[in-house]
Amino acid sequence: MKNCGIFFFIFSFIILSCNKQDPREQIQFLEGYWEIDKVEVSPDSTITYRMSENIDYFELSDSSKSSGQRTKLRPQMDGTYKTTNSAEKIDLKIEEDSLRIYYKTPYDNWKETVLEASEENLVIKNDQDKIYHYKKYSPINIETNEEE
């Protein structure tokens, strides 16, 4: 019976270890337009957003995909974007088996940890332990039937 317990422990450890995403693979999904879906403020408090006025645009600028910027944008009804003049330089680093995003502005520096990144979802934890859940932004397509 004791061997069964040891086997179960080892098996559970292997299964849980396999579920962690490789931080190098997360980088490929970071670039693009992201809309906040919800924020876990604490373990028992979550704020859900039906629609966000601003979206985050991550752009990786160098060939190694290790730096770039995050810009806050405001989508317009015609499919264009207005910048909020809020852009932060970013550097990506893999530390302690996690992808870290280091932000830098003239006024502040901070870092966040990418917990999950895929084609459709992005989950980031900041240094105040708030967890931001993003979904890939898809523009609202409003067509008008105006005739000339």
N, C-alpha and C. Protein backbone atom coordinates (compact mmCIF):
# COMPACT_ATOMS: atom_id res chain seq x y z
N MET A 1 0.82 -1.19 0.00
CA MET A 1 0.00 0.00 0.00
C MET A 1 0.87 1.26 0.00
N LYS A 2 2.02 1.17 0.70
CA LYS A 2 2.92 2.30 0.76
C LYS A 2 3.47 2.63 -0.63
N ASN A 3 3.81 1.60 -1.41
CA ASN A 3 4.31 1.80 -2.78
C ASN A 3 3.27 2.47 -3.66
N CYS A 4 2.01 2.15 -3.41
CA CYS A 4 0.92 2.76 -4.20
C CYS A 4 0.89 4.28 -3.95
N GLY A 5 1.08 4.69 -2.70
CA GLY A 5 1.08 6.12 -2.36
C GLY A 5 2.24 6.86 -3.01
N ILE A 6 3.41 6.23 -3.01
CA ILE A 6 4.58 6.83 -3.64
C ILE A 6 4.36 6.96 -5.15
N PHE A 7 3.81 5.90 -5.75
CA PHE A 7 3.53 5.94 -7.19
C PHE A 7 2.55 7.06 -7.51
N PHE A 8 1.49 7.20 -6.71
CA PHE A 8 0.49 8.24 -6.93
C PHE A 8 1.13 9.63 -6.83
N PHE A 9 2.00 9.83 -5.84
CA PHE A 9 2.67 11.12 -5.67
C PHE A 9 3.54 11.45 -6.88
N ILE A 10 4.33 10.51 -7.33
CA ILE A 10 5.21 10.74 -8.49
C ILE A 10 4.37 11.00 -9.74
N PHE A 11 3.32 10.22 -9.94
CA PHE A 11 2.44 10.39 -11.10
C PHE A 11 1.80 11.79 -11.09
N SER A 12 1.31 12.22 -9.92
CA SER A 12 0.68 13.55 -9.80
C SER A 12 1.68 14.65 -10.10
N PHE A 13 2.90 14.50 -9.60
CA PHE A 13 3.94 15.50 -9.84
C PHE A 13 4.25 15.63 -11.33
N ILE A 14 4.35 14.50 -12.02
CA ILE A 14 4.63 14.51 -13.46
C ILE A 14 3.49 15.18 -14.23
N ILE A 15 2.26 14.86 -13.89
CA ILE A 15 1.10 15.45 -14.58
C ILE A 15 1.07 16.96 -14.36
N LEU A 16 1.26 17.41 -13.14
CA LEU A 16 1.24 18.85 -12.86
C LEU A 16 2.40 19.57 -13.53
N SER A 17 3.55 18.94 -13.60
CA SER A 17 4.72 19.55 -14.24
C SER A 17 4.49 19.72 -15.73
N CYS A 18 3.77 18.81 -16.35
CA CYS A 18 3.53 18.86 -17.79
C CYS A 18 2.57 19.98 -18.17
N ASN A 19 1.75 20.44 -17.22
CA ASN A 19 0.76 21.46 -17.53
C ASN A 19 1.36 22.85 -17.61
N LYS A 20 2.54 23.08 -17.07
CA LYS A 20 3.15 24.41 -17.11
C LYS A 20 3.66 24.70 -18.51
N GLN A 21 3.27 25.85 -19.02
CA GLN A 21 3.63 26.27 -20.36
C GLN A 21 5.08 26.75 -20.39
N ASP A 22 5.79 26.40 -21.44
CA ASP A 22 7.17 26.86 -21.63
C ASP A 22 7.16 28.37 -21.86
N PRO A 23 7.87 29.15 -21.05
CA PRO A 23 7.85 30.60 -21.22
C PRO A 23 8.36 31.08 -22.58
N ARG A 24 9.24 30.32 -23.21
CA ARG A 24 9.72 30.70 -24.55
C ARG A 24 8.60 30.61 -25.58
N GLU A 25 7.68 29.67 -25.38
CA GLU A 25 6.55 29.53 -26.29
C GLU A 25 5.53 30.65 -26.11
N GLN A 26 5.47 31.23 -24.92
CA GLN A 26 4.51 32.30 -24.64
C GLN A 26 4.80 33.55 -25.45
N ILE A 27 6.06 33.79 -25.75
CA ILE A 27 6.46 35.03 -26.44
C ILE A 27 5.73 35.18 -27.77
N GLN A 28 5.57 34.09 -28.51
CA GLN A 28 4.93 34.16 -29.82
C GLN A 28 3.49 34.66 -29.77
N PHE A 29 2.83 34.51 -28.62
CA PHE A 29 1.43 34.90 -28.51
C PHE A 29 1.24 36.30 -27.94
N LEU A 30 2.28 36.89 -27.40
CA LEU A 30 2.16 38.17 -26.71
C LEU A 30 1.80 39.32 -27.65
N GLU A 31 2.40 39.34 -28.82
CA GLU A 31 2.21 40.46 -29.75
C GLU A 31 0.77 40.51 -30.25
N GLY A 32 0.20 41.71 -30.25
CA GLY A 32 -1.14 41.89 -30.78
C GLY A 32 -2.01 42.77 -29.90
N TYR A 33 -3.31 42.76 -30.21
CA TYR A 33 -4.30 43.59 -29.53
C TYR A 33 -5.02 42.75 -28.48
N TRP A 34 -5.05 43.23 -27.23
CA TRP A 34 -5.63 42.49 -26.12
C TRP A 34 -6.61 43.35 -25.35
N GLU A 35 -7.75 42.76 -25.01
CA GLU A 35 -8.81 43.44 -24.26
C GLU A 35 -8.94 42.77 -22.89
N ILE A 36 -9.01 43.57 -21.83
CA ILE A 36 -9.16 43.00 -20.49
C ILE A 36 -10.55 42.38 -20.36
N ASP A 37 -10.57 41.12 -19.93
CA ASP A 37 -11.81 40.40 -19.72
C ASP A 37 -12.21 40.46 -18.24
N LYS A 38 -11.23 40.20 -17.36
CA LYS A 38 -11.49 40.27 -15.92
C LYS A 38 -10.18 40.46 -15.19
N VAL A 39 -10.31 40.92 -13.93
CA VAL A 39 -9.15 41.12 -13.07
C VAL A 39 -9.45 40.45 -11.74
N GLU A 40 -8.57 39.54 -11.33
CA GLU A 40 -8.67 38.93 -10.00
C GLU A 40 -7.92 39.84 -9.04
N VAL A 41 -8.68 40.62 -8.28
CA VAL A 41 -8.10 41.58 -7.35
C VAL A 41 -7.55 40.86 -6.11
N SER A 42 -8.26 39.84 -5.68
CA SER A 42 -7.85 38.99 -4.56
C SER A 42 -8.49 37.63 -4.80
N PRO A 43 -8.12 36.62 -4.01
CA PRO A 43 -8.70 35.29 -4.25
C PRO A 43 -10.23 35.25 -4.20
N ASP A 44 -10.84 36.18 -3.47
CA ASP A 44 -12.30 36.17 -3.39
C ASP A 44 -12.97 37.38 -4.04
N SER A 45 -12.23 38.12 -4.87
CA SER A 45 -12.80 39.30 -5.53
C SER A 45 -12.32 39.40 -6.98
N THR A 46 -13.27 39.37 -7.90
CA THR A 46 -12.96 39.47 -9.33
C THR A 46 -13.82 40.55 -9.96
N ILE A 47 -13.21 41.37 -10.78
CA ILE A 47 -13.92 42.40 -11.54
C ILE A 47 -14.01 41.91 -12.98
N THR A 48 -15.23 41.83 -13.51
CA THR A 48 -15.44 41.38 -14.89
C THR A 48 -15.83 42.57 -15.74
N TYR A 49 -15.24 42.64 -16.93
CA TYR A 49 -15.52 43.74 -17.86
C TYR A 49 -16.34 43.22 -19.03
N ARG A 50 -17.49 43.82 -19.25
CA ARG A 50 -18.29 43.44 -20.43
C ARG A 50 -17.67 44.04 -21.68
N MET A 51 -17.18 45.25 -21.54
CA MET A 51 -16.53 45.94 -22.66
C MET A 51 -15.55 46.94 -22.07
N SER A 52 -14.38 46.99 -22.65
CA SER A 52 -13.36 47.90 -22.16
C SER A 52 -13.19 49.05 -23.14
N GLU A 53 -13.06 50.25 -22.60
CA GLU A 53 -12.89 51.43 -23.43
C GLU A 53 -11.53 51.44 -24.12
N ASN A 54 -10.53 50.88 -23.45
CA ASN A 54 -9.17 50.84 -23.99
C ASN A 54 -8.72 49.40 -24.18
N ILE A 55 -7.80 49.21 -25.11
CA ILE A 55 -7.17 47.91 -25.30
C ILE A 55 -5.66 48.09 -25.24
N ASP A 56 -4.97 47.00 -24.99
CA ASP A 56 -3.50 47.03 -24.95
C ASP A 56 -2.97 46.44 -26.24
N TYR A 57 -2.01 47.14 -26.82
CA TYR A 57 -1.34 46.65 -28.02
C TYR A 57 0.11 46.38 -27.68
N PHE A 58 0.49 45.09 -27.74
CA PHE A 58 1.88 44.69 -27.52
C PHE A 58 2.57 44.56 -28.86
N GLU A 59 3.69 45.25 -29.01
CA GLU A 59 4.47 45.20 -30.25
C GLU A 59 5.91 44.86 -29.88
N LEU A 60 6.41 43.77 -30.47
CA LEU A 60 7.79 43.37 -30.25
C LEU A 60 8.60 43.84 -31.44
N SER A 61 9.65 44.63 -31.17
CA SER A 61 10.30 45.34 -32.25
C SER A 61 11.59 44.74 -32.77
N ASP A 62 12.27 43.94 -31.98
CA ASP A 62 13.54 43.44 -32.48
C ASP A 62 13.41 41.99 -32.97
N SER A 63 14.40 41.54 -33.69
CA SER A 63 14.33 40.20 -34.29
C SER A 63 14.34 39.09 -33.25
N SER A 64 14.90 39.34 -32.08
CA SER A 64 14.93 38.31 -31.04
C SER A 64 13.63 38.29 -30.24
N LYS A 65 12.73 39.20 -30.51
CA LYS A 65 11.43 39.30 -29.83
C LYS A 65 11.61 39.44 -28.31
N SER A 66 12.62 40.20 -27.90
CA SER A 66 12.87 40.37 -26.47
C SER A 66 12.61 41.79 -25.98
N SER A 67 12.20 42.69 -26.88
CA SER A 67 11.87 44.05 -26.46
C SER A 67 10.82 44.63 -27.39
N GLY A 68 10.24 45.73 -26.96
CA GLY A 68 9.20 46.38 -27.76
C GLY A 68 8.49 47.41 -26.92
N GLN A 69 7.15 47.49 -27.11
CA GLN A 69 6.38 48.42 -26.31
C GLN A 69 4.94 47.96 -26.18
N ARG A 70 4.29 48.47 -25.12
CA ARG A 70 2.86 48.27 -24.92
C ARG A 70 2.21 49.64 -25.00
N THR A 71 1.19 49.74 -25.84
CA THR A 71 0.49 51.01 -26.04
C THR A 71 -0.98 50.83 -25.70
N LYS A 72 -1.54 51.80 -25.00
CA LYS A 72 -2.98 51.80 -24.72
C LYS A 72 -3.67 52.49 -25.90
N LEU A 73 -4.64 51.79 -26.47
CA LEU A 73 -5.38 52.32 -27.62
C LEU A 73 -6.87 52.38 -27.31
N ARG A 74 -7.55 53.29 -27.98
CA ARG A 74 -9.00 53.41 -27.86
C ARG A 74 -9.62 53.11 -29.22
N PRO A 75 -10.29 51.97 -29.37
CA PRO A 75 -10.90 51.63 -30.67
C PRO A 75 -12.01 52.61 -31.04
N GLN A 76 -12.10 52.90 -32.34
CA GLN A 76 -13.13 53.79 -32.86
C GLN A 76 -14.15 52.98 -33.65
N MET A 77 -15.32 53.54 -33.86
CA MET A 77 -16.41 52.84 -34.57
C MET A 77 -16.05 52.51 -36.02
N ASP A 78 -15.15 53.28 -36.62
CA ASP A 78 -14.80 53.05 -38.03
C ASP A 78 -13.67 52.03 -38.20
N GLY A 79 -13.27 51.39 -37.09
CA GLY A 79 -12.23 50.36 -37.17
C GLY A 79 -10.82 50.88 -36.94
N THR A 80 -10.66 52.18 -36.75
CA THR A 80 -9.34 52.75 -36.47
C THR A 80 -9.13 52.82 -34.95
N TYR A 81 -7.94 53.24 -34.56
CA TYR A 81 -7.60 53.35 -33.15
C TYR A 81 -7.05 54.74 -32.87
N LYS A 82 -7.36 55.24 -31.67
CA LYS A 82 -6.73 56.47 -31.20
C LYS A 82 -5.80 56.07 -30.07
N THR A 83 -4.61 56.63 -30.09
CA THR A 83 -3.68 56.32 -29.02
C THR A 83 -4.01 57.18 -27.80
N THR A 84 -3.80 56.63 -26.64
CA THR A 84 -4.04 57.37 -25.41
C THR A 84 -2.76 58.05 -24.94
N ASN A 85 -1.74 58.03 -25.79
CA ASN A 85 -0.42 58.59 -25.44
C ASN A 85 0.17 57.91 -24.22
N SER A 86 -0.19 56.67 -24.04
CA SER A 86 0.36 55.88 -22.94
C SER A 86 1.09 54.70 -23.54
N ALA A 87 2.40 54.83 -23.67
CA ALA A 87 3.20 53.74 -24.23
C ALA A 87 4.35 53.47 -23.27
N GLU A 88 4.57 52.19 -23.01
CA GLU A 88 5.66 51.79 -22.14
C GLU A 88 6.62 50.91 -22.91
N LYS A 89 7.91 51.17 -22.76
CA LYS A 89 8.90 50.27 -23.33
C LYS A 89 8.88 48.98 -22.53
N ILE A 90 9.05 47.85 -23.24
CA ILE A 90 9.07 46.57 -22.54
C ILE A 90 10.30 45.77 -22.92
N ASP A 91 10.77 44.99 -21.97
CA ASP A 91 11.83 44.01 -22.18
C ASP A 91 11.31 42.68 -21.65
N LEU A 92 11.49 41.63 -22.42
CA LEU A 92 11.06 40.30 -22.01
C LEU A 92 12.26 39.50 -21.52
N LYS A 93 12.09 38.85 -20.38
CA LYS A 93 13.16 38.02 -19.82
C LYS A 93 12.54 36.76 -19.24
N ILE A 94 13.25 35.66 -19.39
CA ILE A 94 12.82 34.41 -18.77
C ILE A 94 13.61 34.25 -17.48
N GLU A 95 12.87 34.24 -16.37
CA GLU A 95 13.46 34.13 -15.04
C GLU A 95 12.64 33.14 -14.21
N GLU A 96 13.32 32.26 -13.50
CA GLU A 96 12.65 31.30 -12.63
C GLU A 96 11.55 30.54 -13.36
N ASP A 97 11.82 30.09 -14.58
CA ASP A 97 10.87 29.33 -15.41
C ASP A 97 9.60 30.10 -15.75
N SER A 98 9.67 31.43 -15.77
CA SER A 98 8.51 32.26 -16.11
C SER A 98 8.94 33.38 -17.06
N LEU A 99 8.00 33.81 -17.90
CA LEU A 99 8.23 34.96 -18.77
C LEU A 99 7.88 36.21 -17.99
N ARG A 100 8.83 37.11 -17.86
CA ARG A 100 8.63 38.38 -17.16
C ARG A 100 8.63 39.52 -18.18
N ILE A 101 7.74 40.46 -17.96
CA ILE A 101 7.70 41.66 -18.79
C ILE A 101 8.16 42.82 -17.91
N TYR A 102 9.25 43.45 -18.31
CA TYR A 102 9.78 44.61 -17.59
C TYR A 102 9.35 45.86 -18.34
N TYR A 103 8.65 46.75 -17.64
CA TYR A 103 8.14 47.99 -18.23
C TYR A 103 9.01 49.16 -17.79
N LYS A 104 9.12 50.15 -18.69
CA LYS A 104 9.91 51.33 -18.34
C LYS A 104 9.28 52.56 -18.98
N THR A 105 9.03 53.56 -18.15
CA THR A 105 8.56 54.87 -18.62
C THR A 105 9.51 55.90 -18.03
N PRO A 106 9.39 57.15 -18.43
CA PRO A 106 10.23 58.17 -17.80
C PRO A 106 9.95 58.32 -16.30
N TYR A 107 8.79 57.81 -15.84
CA TYR A 107 8.38 58.04 -14.47
C TYR A 107 8.45 56.81 -13.56
N ASP A 108 8.51 55.61 -14.15
CA ASP A 108 8.42 54.42 -13.32
C ASP A 108 8.99 53.19 -14.05
N ASN A 109 9.30 52.17 -13.27
CA ASN A 109 9.72 50.86 -13.77
C ASN A 109 8.96 49.80 -12.97
N TRP A 110 8.53 48.72 -13.61
CA TRP A 110 7.86 47.64 -12.91
C TRP A 110 7.93 46.38 -13.76
N LYS A 111 7.54 45.26 -13.16
CA LYS A 111 7.54 44.01 -13.91
C LYS A 111 6.25 43.25 -13.65
N GLU A 112 5.90 42.40 -14.62
CA GLU A 112 4.75 41.52 -14.53
C GLU A 112 5.17 40.14 -14.99
N THR A 113 4.42 39.13 -14.58
CA THR A 113 4.71 37.75 -14.94
C THR A 113 3.60 37.20 -15.81
N VAL A 114 3.96 36.62 -16.94
CA VAL A 114 2.97 35.98 -17.82
C VAL A 114 2.69 34.60 -17.25
N LEU A 115 1.43 34.35 -16.90
CA LEU A 115 1.04 33.05 -16.36
C LEU A 115 0.58 32.11 -17.46
N GLU A 116 -0.04 32.69 -18.49
CA GLU A 116 -0.56 31.90 -19.61
C GLU A 116 -0.61 32.77 -20.85
N ALA A 117 -0.30 32.20 -21.99
CA ALA A 117 -0.40 32.92 -23.25
C ALA A 117 -0.76 31.92 -24.34
N SER A 118 -1.79 32.27 -25.10
CA SER A 118 -2.21 31.44 -26.23
C SER A 118 -2.71 32.36 -27.33
N GLU A 119 -3.21 31.77 -28.38
CA GLU A 119 -3.74 32.55 -29.51
C GLU A 119 -4.89 33.46 -29.08
N GLU A 120 -5.71 33.00 -28.13
CA GLU A 120 -6.92 33.73 -27.75
C GLU A 120 -6.90 34.32 -26.34
N ASN A 121 -5.99 33.87 -25.46
CA ASN A 121 -5.99 34.31 -24.06
C ASN A 121 -4.60 34.69 -23.59
N LEU A 122 -4.58 35.66 -22.68
CA LEU A 122 -3.35 36.12 -22.07
C LEU A 122 -3.65 36.39 -20.59
N VAL A 123 -2.84 35.81 -19.69
CA VAL A 123 -3.03 36.01 -18.26
C VAL A 123 -1.72 36.52 -17.68
N ILE A 124 -1.80 37.69 -17.03
CA ILE A 124 -0.61 38.36 -16.50
C ILE A 124 -0.83 38.72 -15.04
N LYS A 125 0.19 38.48 -14.22
CA LYS A 125 0.13 38.82 -12.79
C LYS A 125 1.08 39.98 -12.53
N ASN A 126 0.56 41.03 -11.86
CA ASN A 126 1.43 42.17 -11.57
C ASN A 126 2.05 42.04 -10.18
N ASP A 127 2.85 43.02 -9.80
CA ASP A 127 3.58 42.93 -8.54
C ASP A 127 2.71 43.16 -7.31
N GLN A 128 1.43 43.53 -7.50
CA GLN A 128 0.48 43.62 -6.39
C GLN A 128 -0.40 42.37 -6.32
N ASP A 129 0.02 41.32 -7.03
CA ASP A 129 -0.69 40.03 -7.08
C ASP A 129 -2.07 40.11 -7.72
N LYS A 130 -2.33 41.14 -8.50
CA LYS A 130 -3.57 41.19 -9.29
C LYS A 130 -3.32 40.40 -10.57
N ILE A 131 -4.31 39.61 -10.96
CA ILE A 131 -4.16 38.77 -12.15
C ILE A 131 -5.12 39.29 -13.22
N TYR A 132 -4.54 39.71 -14.33
CA TYR A 132 -5.30 40.26 -15.45
C TYR A 132 -5.53 39.18 -16.50
N HIS A 133 -6.79 38.96 -16.83
CA HIS A 133 -7.17 38.00 -17.87
C HIS A 133 -7.56 38.80 -19.11
N TYR A 134 -6.82 38.60 -20.18
CA TYR A 134 -7.10 39.28 -21.44
C TYR A 134 -7.68 38.29 -22.44
N LYS A 135 -8.46 38.81 -23.36
CA LYS A 135 -8.88 38.02 -24.52
C LYS A 135 -8.44 38.78 -25.76
N LYS A 136 -8.20 38.04 -26.82
CA LYS A 136 -7.78 38.67 -28.07
C LYS A 136 -8.86 39.66 -28.49
N TYR A 137 -8.46 40.85 -28.84
CA TYR A 137 -9.43 41.87 -29.22
C TYR A 137 -9.91 41.64 -30.65
N SER A 138 -11.22 41.66 -30.84
CA SER A 138 -11.79 41.65 -32.19
C SER A 138 -12.64 42.90 -32.34
N PRO A 139 -12.33 43.69 -33.36
CA PRO A 139 -13.06 44.94 -33.54
C PRO A 139 -14.54 44.70 -33.80
N ILE A 140 -15.33 45.62 -33.28
CA ILE A 140 -16.76 45.59 -33.54
C ILE A 140 -16.96 46.15 -34.94
N ASN A 141 -17.61 45.38 -35.77
CA ASN A 141 -17.80 45.79 -37.15
C ASN A 141 -19.22 46.33 -37.32
N ILE A 142 -19.34 47.64 -37.39
CA ILE A 142 -20.64 48.28 -37.55
C ILE A 142 -20.70 48.83 -38.97
N GLU A 143 -21.60 48.27 -39.74
CA GLU A 143 -21.78 48.73 -41.11
C GLU A 143 -22.97 49.66 -41.17
N THR A 144 -22.81 50.72 -41.93
CA THR A 144 -23.94 51.62 -42.12
C THR A 144 -24.50 51.42 -43.51
N ASN A 145 -25.76 51.67 -43.67
CA ASN A 145 -26.41 51.50 -44.97
C ASN A 145 -26.65 52.87 -45.62
N GLU A 146 -25.67 53.72 -45.51
CA GLU A 146 -25.80 55.04 -46.11
C GLU A 146 -25.63 54.94 -47.62
N GLU A 147 -26.53 55.62 -48.30
CA GLU A 147 -26.41 55.66 -49.77
C GLU A 147 -26.00 57.06 -50.18
N GLU A 148 -25.22 57.11 -51.22
CA GLU A 148 -24.72 58.40 -51.68
C GLU A 148 -25.69 59.04 -52.63
